[in-house]
C-alpha atoms as a PDB file:
ATOM      1  CA  MET A   1       4.490  27.518  23.546  1.00  0.00           C
ATOM      2  CA  THR A   2       6.709  26.513  20.652  1.00  0.00           C
ATOM      3  CA  GLU A   3       5.475  24.564  17.679  1.00  0.00           C
ATOM      4  CA  PRO A   4       7.225  21.304  16.729  1.00  0.00           C
ATOM      5  CA  GLU A   5       9.410  21.497  13.673  1.00  0.00           C
ATOM      6  CA  ALA A   6       8.180  19.612  10.632  1.00  0.00           C
ATOM      7  CA  GLU A   7      10.480  17.323   8.725  1.00  0.00           C
ATOM      8  CA  SER A   8      10.624  17.702   4.995  1.00  0.00           C
ATOM      9  CA  GLY A   9      10.265  14.675   2.770  1.00  0.00           C
ATOM     10  CA  ALA A  10       7.943  11.725   2.542  1.00  0.00           C
ATOM     11  CA  VAL A  11       7.244   9.161   5.221  1.00  0.00           C
ATOM     12  CA  ASP A  12       6.559   5.533   4.296  1.00  0.00           C
ATOM     13  CA  SER A  13       4.336   3.089   6.200  1.00  0.00           C
ATOM     14  CA  SER A  14       7.093   2.357   8.713  1.00  0.00           C
ATOM     15  CA  GLY A  15       6.994   5.988   9.844  1.00  0.00           C
ATOM     16  CA  GLU A  16      10.551   6.617   8.728  1.00  0.00           C
ATOM     17  CA  PRO A  17      11.365   9.298   6.151  1.00  0.00           C
ATOM     18  CA  SER A  18      11.895   7.745   2.749  1.00  0.00           C
ATOM     19  CA  SER A  19      14.134   9.498   0.274  1.00  0.00           C
ATOM     20  CA  ALA A  20      13.216   6.904  -2.360  1.00  0.00           C
ATOM     21  CA  LEU A  21       9.618   8.115  -2.634  1.00  0.00           C
ATOM     22  CA  PHE A  22      10.530  11.443  -4.183  1.00  0.00           C
ATOM     23  CA  GLY A  23      13.432  12.585  -6.252  1.00  0.00           C
ATOM     24  CA  THR A  24      14.929   9.284  -7.348  1.00  0.00           C
ATOM     25  CA  GLY A  25      12.333   8.255  -9.918  1.00  0.00           C
ATOM     26  CA  ASP A  26      12.001   4.687  -8.621  1.00  0.00           C
ATOM     27  CA  PHE A  27       9.317   5.124  -5.934  1.00  0.00           C
ATOM     28  CA  PHE A  28       7.316   2.313  -7.573  1.00  0.00           C
ATOM     29  CA  GLN A  29       9.990  -0.225  -6.556  1.00  0.00           C
ATOM     30  CA  VAL A  30      10.176   0.616  -2.839  1.00  0.00           C
ATOM     31  CA  GLY A  31       8.148  -0.321   0.250  1.00  0.00           C
ATOM     32  CA  ASN A  32       4.393  -0.628  -0.283  1.00  0.00           C
ATOM     33  CA  TYR A  33       4.864   0.282  -3.949  1.00  0.00           C
ATOM     34  CA  ALA A  34       7.244  -2.612  -4.666  1.00  0.00           C
ATOM     35  CA  PRO A  35       6.072  -5.433  -6.946  1.00  0.00           C
ATOM     36  CA  VAL A  36       4.537  -8.461  -5.230  1.00  0.00           C
ATOM     37  CA  ALA A  37       6.938 -11.403  -5.322  1.00  0.00           C
ATOM     38  CA  ASP A  38       4.424 -14.199  -4.627  1.00  0.00           C
ATOM     39  CA  GLU A  39       1.143 -15.018  -6.328  1.00  0.00           C
ATOM     40  CA  LEU A  40      -1.527 -16.565  -4.127  1.00  0.00           C
ATOM     41  CA  THR A  41      -4.704 -18.371  -5.121  1.00  0.00           C
ATOM     42  CA  ALA A  42      -7.060 -19.032  -2.213  1.00  0.00           C
ATOM     43  CA  PHE A  43     -10.407 -20.807  -2.283  1.00  0.00           C
ATOM     44  CA  ASP A  44     -13.328 -21.075   0.158  1.00  0.00           C
ATOM     45  CA  LEU A  45     -12.359 -18.039   2.206  1.00  0.00           C
ATOM     46  CA  PRO A  46     -14.787 -17.014   4.961  1.00  0.00           C
ATOM     47  CA  VAL A  47     -17.085 -14.112   4.079  1.00  0.00           C
ATOM     48  CA  GLU A  48     -18.829 -11.991   6.705  1.00  0.00           C
ATOM     49  CA  GLY A  49     -22.133 -10.625   5.442  1.00  0.00           C
ATOM     50  CA  ALA A  50     -23.160 -10.944   1.820  1.00  0.00           C
ATOM     51  CA  ILE A  51     -21.596  -9.880  -1.438  1.00  0.00           C
ATOM     52  CA  PRO A  52     -24.173  -7.977  -3.535  1.00  0.00           C
ATOM     53  CA  PRO A  53     -25.202  -9.958  -6.636  1.00  0.00           C
ATOM     54  CA  GLU A  54     -24.677  -6.817  -8.770  1.00  0.00           C
ATOM     55  CA  LEU A  55     -20.988  -6.864  -7.896  1.00  0.00           C
ATOM     56  CA  GLU A  56     -19.103  -8.822 -10.556  1.00  0.00           C
ATOM     57  CA  GLY A  57     -15.469  -9.083 -11.490  1.00  0.00           C
ATOM     58  CA  TRP A  58     -12.199  -9.361  -9.634  1.00  0.00           C
ATOM     59  CA  TYR A  59     -10.604  -7.340  -6.884  1.00  0.00           C
ATOM     60  CA  LEU A  60      -6.834  -7.487  -7.222  1.00  0.00           C
ATOM     61  CA  ARG A  61      -4.525  -5.658  -4.897  1.00  0.00           C
ATOM     62  CA  ASN A  62      -0.842  -5.206  -5.469  1.00  0.00           C
END
């Protein structure tokens, strides 16, 4: 039985090899690493369960 050949290089979230992730120096501007264009403020979002009272602060995701 032969083993499948591995591709070299990185793969982004689309599953396609991405040459921009390594070697170009601008990986932080591509795909999931790109800056967020829109800012969203949402209120009264549904919460399942309970948020512990000891947990304070903000959770921000880029």
